[in-house]
Amino acid sequence: MKRYFFFFVLTLFSFTSCNSVRVAADYDRSVTFETYQSFAFFKEGIDKAEISDLDKRRILRAIESEMLAKGFVKSETPDLLINIFTKERQEVNVYNQNFGMNGWGWGWGWGPMMGWNQTNVSNSSRGTLYIDLIDAQKNELVWQGIGEGYLSSRMEKKEDRILEFVTAIMGKYPPEKN
C-alpha cells in the first residue's frame, strides 16, 4: 500500500512541477535602476533568437506589456534596450514500472512467478528564455532575467505559457536593493 501511495505522490509532484517556471535574475549592483524610464527592443539581437517569428512576437508583446505596466515608455531614444535569447532541449523520460511476486518457499526460484512489467516513454521540451536589459547610452548589460520550464506542445496553450514565462521573469525587475 505504501508503494502505491509513494507512486501517487511522485506522479502528482511531477505533474505540478511541470507547470512552474524557475526564475533567476542577475544585475549590475552599481546601477541605479530608477533612472531608466524608456525602452526599445534590440532588433539585431532579437533577430538572432532561434525561434519562430510568431513566438518572437508573442514574447515581445508580453515584455512590452510588462514594461508598460511598470511605468516605462516605449521610445525611439530609449534608456534601455531589450534583447531576448532562447534555448530549447528535448528530454526523453523512460519509466519502468514492474510488480512481481515469487512463489512459495525460500529464496528465488521456488514455484511459479507472477507479475507484470510496463515501460512508458515520454518526450518533453524544456525551454530557457533570457531577457537582457542593456543600458542604451553605455551599451552595457545591466540586468538579465532567466526563466526555465517545460514548454507546451499544445498550440492553444502556447501563448499562455509564454506569458507565464515573461511575467515570472519580469517579476524580478527592478531588482530589490539589499
Protein backbone atom coordinates (compact mmCIF):
# COMPACT_ATOMS: atom_id res chain seq x y z
CA MET A 1 0.00 0.00 0.00
CA LYS A 2 2.85 2.38 0.84
CA ARG A 3 4.35 1.69 -2.57
CA TYR A 4 1.19 2.86 -4.36
CA PHE A 5 0.90 5.94 -2.15
CA PHE A 6 4.52 6.86 -2.88
CA PHE A 7 3.95 6.38 -6.62
CA PHE A 8 0.80 8.56 -6.45
CA VAL A 9 2.63 11.37 -4.61
CA LEU A 10 5.57 11.18 -7.03
CA THR A 11 3.22 11.35 -10.03
CA LEU A 12 1.29 14.27 -8.55
CA PHE A 13 4.53 16.14 -7.84
CA SER A 14 5.81 15.58 -11.39
CA PHE A 15 2.60 16.95 -12.91
CA THR A 16 2.58 20.07 -10.73
CA SER A 17 6.29 20.74 -11.21
CA CYS A 18 5.88 20.73 -14.99
CA ASN A 19 3.79 23.89 -14.85
CA SER A 20 6.17 26.07 -12.89
CA VAL A 21 8.80 28.36 -14.32
CA ARG A 22 12.09 28.54 -12.45
CA VAL A 23 13.39 32.10 -12.49
CA ALA A 24 16.68 33.78 -11.67
CA ALA A 25 17.98 37.29 -12.24
CA ASP A 26 21.37 38.95 -12.15
CA TYR A 27 22.22 42.62 -12.34
CA ASP A 28 24.94 45.23 -12.06
CA ARG A 29 24.85 46.38 -8.44
CA SER A 30 26.37 49.77 -9.28
CA VAL A 31 23.41 50.77 -11.48
CA THR A 32 20.58 52.99 -10.26
CA PHE A 33 17.58 51.40 -11.99
CA GLU A 34 15.20 54.21 -11.02
CA THR A 35 16.81 56.46 -13.64
CA TYR A 36 15.58 54.28 -16.51
CA GLN A 37 12.24 55.42 -17.90
CA SER A 38 12.08 54.33 -21.55
CA PHE A 39 12.80 51.21 -23.58
CA ALA A 40 13.04 49.81 -27.09
CA PHE A 41 13.78 46.37 -28.49
CA PHE A 42 17.27 45.49 -29.72
CA LYS A 43 16.33 44.29 -33.20
CA GLU A 44 19.75 42.92 -34.20
CA GLY A 45 19.86 40.65 -31.16
CA ILE A 46 16.22 39.59 -31.34
CA ASP A 47 16.63 38.60 -35.00
CA LYS A 48 19.26 36.05 -33.90
CA ALA A 49 16.89 34.27 -31.48
CA GLU A 50 16.28 30.76 -32.84
CA ILE A 51 12.51 30.56 -32.50
CA SER A 52 9.64 31.16 -34.87
CA ASP A 53 8.66 34.72 -35.73
CA LEU A 54 5.24 34.06 -34.19
CA ASP A 55 6.80 33.13 -30.84
CA LYS A 56 9.14 36.13 -31.02
CA ARG A 57 6.16 38.43 -31.45
CA ARG A 58 4.36 36.72 -28.56
CA ILE A 59 7.38 37.19 -26.30
CA LEU A 60 7.93 40.81 -27.34
CA ARG A 61 4.25 41.69 -26.80
CA ALA A 62 4.37 40.14 -23.34
CA ILE A 63 7.58 42.02 -22.46
CA GLU A 64 6.17 45.29 -23.78
CA SER A 65 3.02 44.82 -21.72
CA GLU A 66 5.09 44.17 -18.57
CA MET A 67 7.33 47.18 -19.17
CA LEU A 68 4.37 49.50 -19.77
CA ALA A 69 2.72 48.18 -16.59
CA LYS A 70 5.91 49.09 -14.70
CA GLY A 71 5.63 52.70 -15.93
CA PHE A 72 8.12 52.60 -18.79
CA VAL A 73 7.53 54.34 -22.12
CA LYS A 74 8.43 52.86 -25.49
CA SER A 75 10.77 55.30 -27.25
CA GLU A 76 12.94 55.87 -30.31
CA THR A 77 15.65 57.19 -27.97
CA PRO A 78 15.41 54.69 -25.09
CA ASP A 79 17.26 54.40 -21.81
CA LEU A 80 17.11 50.60 -22.04
CA LEU A 81 17.40 48.21 -24.95
CA ILE A 82 15.70 44.83 -24.53
CA ASN A 83 17.14 41.69 -26.05
CA ILE A 84 15.98 38.08 -25.86
CA PHE A 85 17.74 34.76 -26.28
CA THR A 86 16.23 31.29 -26.17
CA LYS A 87 17.37 27.70 -25.72
CA GLU A 88 15.37 24.52 -26.08
CA ARG A 89 16.27 20.94 -25.33
CA GLN A 90 14.35 17.73 -25.78
CA GLU A 91 14.08 15.28 -22.91
CA VAL A 92 13.20 11.62 -23.20
CA ASN A 93 11.91 10.08 -19.98
CA VAL A 94 11.69 6.31 -19.57
CA TYR A 95 9.62 4.97 -16.69
CA ASN A 96 9.83 1.29 -15.82
CA GLN A 97 7.03 0.02 -13.65
CA ASN A 98 7.19 -3.55 -12.52
CA PHE A 99 5.49 -5.59 -9.88
CA GLY A 100 6.15 -9.20 -9.15
CA MET A 101 5.90 -11.93 -6.55
CA ASN A 102 7.81 -15.13 -6.44
CA GLY A 103 6.22 -18.40 -5.47
CA TRP A 104 6.30 -20.25 -2.18
CA GLY A 105 9.45 -21.42 -0.48
CA TRP A 106 12.74 -19.79 0.48
CA GLY A 107 14.76 -17.61 -1.83
CA TRP A 108 14.32 -17.08 -5.52
CA GLY A 109 13.41 -19.85 -7.86
CA TRP A 110 10.81 -21.86 -5.95
CA GLY A 111 7.42 -22.18 -7.53
CA PRO A 112 5.78 -20.17 -10.28
CA MET A 113 6.38 -16.42 -10.74
CA MET A 114 3.64 -13.83 -11.16
CA GLY A 115 3.96 -10.16 -12.08
CA TRP A 116 3.96 -7.54 -14.78
CA ASN A 117 6.34 -5.06 -16.31
CA GLN A 118 5.34 -1.88 -18.11
CA THR A 119 7.64 0.64 -19.75
CA ASN A 120 6.42 4.13 -20.61
CA VAL A 121 8.39 6.58 -22.72
CA SER A 122 7.54 10.27 -22.87
CA ASN A 123 9.09 13.20 -24.68
CA SER A 124 9.08 16.76 -23.41
CA SER A 125 10.73 20.05 -24.26
CA ARG A 126 12.42 22.31 -21.73
CA GLY A 127 12.90 25.88 -22.73
CA THR A 128 15.00 28.70 -21.35
CA LEU A 129 14.21 32.35 -22.03
CA TYR A 130 16.79 35.05 -21.34
CA ILE A 131 15.66 38.68 -21.19
CA ASP A 132 18.53 41.17 -21.27
CA LEU A 133 18.21 44.84 -20.38
CA ILE A 134 21.04 46.89 -21.86
CA ASP A 135 21.93 50.47 -20.94
CA ALA A 136 21.46 52.22 -24.30
CA GLN A 137 24.00 55.00 -23.57
CA LYS A 138 26.81 52.77 -22.32
CA ASN A 139 25.85 49.72 -24.44
CA GLU A 140 26.32 47.51 -21.35
CA LEU A 141 24.22 44.70 -19.95
CA VAL A 142 22.71 45.93 -16.65
CA TRP A 143 20.09 43.24 -15.89
CA GLN A 144 19.40 39.70 -17.05
CA GLY A 145 16.40 37.56 -16.20
CA ILE A 146 16.28 33.85 -16.94
CA GLY A 147 13.24 31.59 -16.91
CA GLU A 148 13.33 27.84 -17.41
CA GLY A 149 10.47 25.40 -17.62
CA TYR A 150 8.58 22.90 -19.72
CA LEU A 151 7.14 24.10 -22.99
CA SER A 152 3.61 23.35 -24.07
CA SER A 153 3.25 21.21 -27.16
CA ARG A 154 -0.40 22.23 -27.50
CA MET A 155 -0.72 25.28 -29.73
CA GLU A 156 -3.73 26.71 -27.88
CA LYS A 157 -1.71 26.87 -24.63
CA LYS A 158 1.46 28.28 -26.18
CA GLU A 159 0.58 31.96 -25.73
CA ASP A 160 -0.42 31.40 -22.09
CA ARG A 161 2.85 29.57 -21.40
CA ILE A 162 4.92 32.36 -22.99
CA LEU A 163 3.05 34.93 -20.91
CA GLU A 164 3.73 32.85 -17.80
CA PHE A 165 7.47 32.79 -18.59
CA VAL A 166 7.71 36.54 -19.26
CA THR A 167 5.59 37.52 -16.24
CA ALA A 168 7.69 35.36 -13.93
CA ILE A 169 10.98 36.74 -15.29
CA MET A 170 9.92 40.39 -15.33
CA GLY A 171 8.62 40.00 -11.78
CA LYS A 172 12.31 40.13 -10.78
CA TYR A 173 12.72 43.62 -12.29
CA PRO A 174 13.64 46.08 -10.91
CA PRO A 175 15.94 44.30 -8.50
CA GLU A 176 15.45 44.90 -4.80
CA LYS A 177 18.32 46.75 -3.17
CA ASN A 178 19.95 44.86 -0.32
